[in-house]
Amino acid sequence: MANNKQPIKNKITWLDKILLRFWPNREMHRLAKKMKINQVVFAQLHEIFHKTQTIDLFPAAGGSRGFILVLDRQTAIFFYQDGDHFSYDGFEMGKYGKGEVTIFDDLKNKDLSPYPPEPEDQTDEEDEQMVS
């Protein structure tokens, strides 16, 4: 089932584009502040994932609906299904096996994008009707 909720749209102005081109880090911080994104949390997440060499994904054990992210085969982060989304359930440390890199291959044909569908171009539809 596709996610039909529309994300909050923030307009990118011409000034934003210029600032992104010449001062991308500074502009990203400014845009995050403008959108009320907690920069400290995302900076910490970026640092953690940037230092991570491998990320493996496993389904949750025991028939429950959820998944486990394993970072560098030594830290497992657990998520469980909570209604129509997943919630964080904790972590543990130890030695973990290698994940399956083809885990998402069967999902490629499904519409599971987090982004809303692009609106179809009106001129293309009109051109197709004229040809028919």
Protein backbone atom coordinates (compact mmCIF):
# COMPACT_ATOMS: atom_id res chain seq x y z
CA MET A 1 0.00 0.00 0.00
CA ALA A 2 1.45 3.34 -1.03
CA ASN A 3 1.73 6.19 1.40
CA ASN A 4 -0.73 8.84 0.17
CA LYS A 5 0.06 11.45 2.80
CA GLN A 6 1.52 14.58 1.27
CA PRO A 7 4.73 15.86 2.90
CA ILE A 8 4.86 19.42 4.12
CA LYS A 9 6.12 21.48 1.23
CA ASN A 10 8.71 24.16 1.79
CA LYS A 11 9.44 26.35 -1.18
CA ILE A 12 13.04 26.60 -2.30
CA THR A 13 13.66 30.14 -3.46
CA TRP A 14 16.25 31.33 -5.95
CA LEU A 15 18.28 32.62 -3.00
CA ASP A 16 18.19 29.14 -1.42
CA LYS A 17 19.47 27.67 -4.69
CA ILE A 18 22.36 30.13 -4.85
CA LEU A 19 23.28 29.55 -1.22
CA LEU A 20 23.09 25.77 -1.70
CA ARG A 21 25.41 26.03 -4.67
CA PHE A 22 28.12 28.12 -2.99
CA TRP A 23 27.69 27.38 0.74
CA PRO A 24 25.84 24.04 0.93
CA ASN A 25 26.58 23.14 4.56
CA ARG A 26 25.62 26.56 5.89
CA GLU A 27 22.46 26.66 3.77
CA MET A 28 21.39 23.15 4.84
CA HIS A 29 21.65 24.26 8.48
CA ARG A 30 19.63 27.40 7.71
CA LEU A 31 16.93 25.42 5.88
CA ALA A 32 16.77 22.85 8.68
CA LYS A 33 16.26 25.63 11.20
CA LYS A 34 13.59 27.18 8.97
CA MET A 35 11.76 23.81 8.80
CA LYS A 36 12.17 23.31 12.58
CA ILE A 37 14.28 20.17 12.18
CA ASN A 38 16.31 19.18 15.23
CA GLN A 39 19.79 19.65 13.76
CA VAL A 40 21.61 18.19 16.75
CA VAL A 41 19.89 14.81 16.42
CA PHE A 42 20.44 14.63 12.66
CA ALA A 43 24.06 15.72 13.01
CA GLN A 44 24.60 12.88 15.50
CA LEU A 45 22.82 10.40 13.23
CA HIS A 46 24.89 11.55 10.26
CA GLU A 47 28.09 11.11 12.26
CA ILE A 48 27.09 7.60 13.35
CA PHE A 49 26.07 6.42 9.88
CA HIS A 50 29.03 8.14 8.21
CA LYS A 51 31.43 6.16 10.43
CA THR A 52 29.56 2.91 9.82
CA GLN A 53 31.14 0.58 7.26
CA THR A 54 28.29 -1.93 6.92
CA ILE A 55 24.57 -1.75 7.56
CA ASP A 56 22.63 -5.02 7.47
CA LEU A 57 18.86 -5.39 7.61
CA PHE A 58 17.04 -8.38 9.10
CA PRO A 59 13.37 -9.13 9.71
CA ALA A 60 12.39 -9.26 13.37
CA ALA A 61 12.43 -12.72 14.90
CA GLY A 62 9.51 -14.62 16.36
CA GLY A 63 6.96 -13.80 13.68
CA SER A 64 6.55 -10.22 14.88
CA ARG A 65 6.37 -7.46 12.32
CA GLY A 66 9.49 -5.40 12.53
CA PHE A 67 13.09 -5.22 11.47
CA ILE A 68 16.60 -4.99 12.86
CA LEU A 69 19.35 -2.71 11.57
CA VAL A 70 22.82 -4.07 12.36
CA LEU A 71 25.68 -1.59 12.20
CA ASP A 72 29.17 -2.98 11.52
CA ARG A 73 27.93 -6.43 12.64
CA GLN A 74 28.14 -5.38 16.27
CA THR A 75 25.20 -3.09 17.14
CA ALA A 76 21.58 -4.11 16.52
CA ILE A 77 18.83 -1.47 16.45
CA PHE A 78 15.29 -2.85 16.76
CA PHE A 79 12.06 -1.46 15.27
CA TYR A 80 8.56 -2.91 15.60
CA GLN A 81 5.33 -2.26 13.74
CA ASP A 82 3.06 0.16 15.55
CA GLY A 83 -0.09 0.54 13.45
CA ASP A 84 0.83 2.04 10.08
CA HIS A 85 4.46 2.86 10.97
CA PHE A 86 7.52 1.46 12.75
CA SER A 87 8.75 2.59 16.15
CA TYR A 88 12.16 2.28 17.78
CA ASP A 89 12.35 -0.55 20.30
CA GLY A 90 15.91 -0.40 21.59
CA PHE A 91 19.33 -1.77 20.78
CA GLU A 92 21.78 -4.42 21.85
CA MET A 93 25.47 -5.03 21.24
CA GLY A 94 27.23 -8.24 20.32
CA LYS A 95 28.47 -10.10 17.26
CA TYR A 96 26.00 -10.49 14.38
CA GLY A 97 26.06 -12.28 11.06
CA LYS A 98 26.04 -10.83 7.59
CA GLY A 99 22.69 -9.71 6.19
CA GLU A 100 21.15 -10.47 2.81
CA VAL A 101 21.78 -7.64 0.33
CA THR A 102 18.94 -8.74 -1.97
CA ILE A 103 16.28 -8.35 0.74
CA PHE A 104 14.44 -5.63 -1.21
CA ASP A 105 14.61 -7.25 -4.66
CA ASP A 106 11.04 -8.61 -4.48
CA LEU A 107 9.71 -5.16 -3.55
CA LYS A 108 10.98 -3.32 -6.66
CA ASN A 109 7.70 -3.69 -8.54
CA LYS A 110 5.63 -2.23 -5.71
CA ASP A 111 5.01 1.50 -5.29
CA LEU A 112 6.74 1.96 -1.94
CA SER A 113 8.35 5.35 -2.45
CA PRO A 114 8.19 7.84 0.45
CA TYR A 115 7.63 10.59 -2.12
CA PRO A 116 4.22 11.55 -3.50
CA PRO A 117 3.62 10.62 -7.15
CA GLU A 118 4.58 13.22 -9.71
CA PRO A 119 1.57 14.98 -11.26
CA GLU A 120 1.14 13.94 -14.87
CA ASP A 121 1.84 16.61 -17.43
CA GLN A 122 -1.42 17.94 -18.88
CA THR A 123 0.10 18.52 -22.33
CA ASP A 124 1.11 14.85 -22.68
CA GLU A 125 -2.47 13.70 -21.99
CA GLU A 126 -3.86 16.18 -24.51
CA ASP A 127 -1.32 15.05 -27.14
CA GLU A 128 -2.27 11.39 -26.59
CA GLN A 129 -5.98 12.19 -27.02
CA MET A 130 -5.30 14.03 -30.27
CA VAL A 131 -3.35 11.06 -31.70
CA SER A 132 -6.08 8.51 -30.81
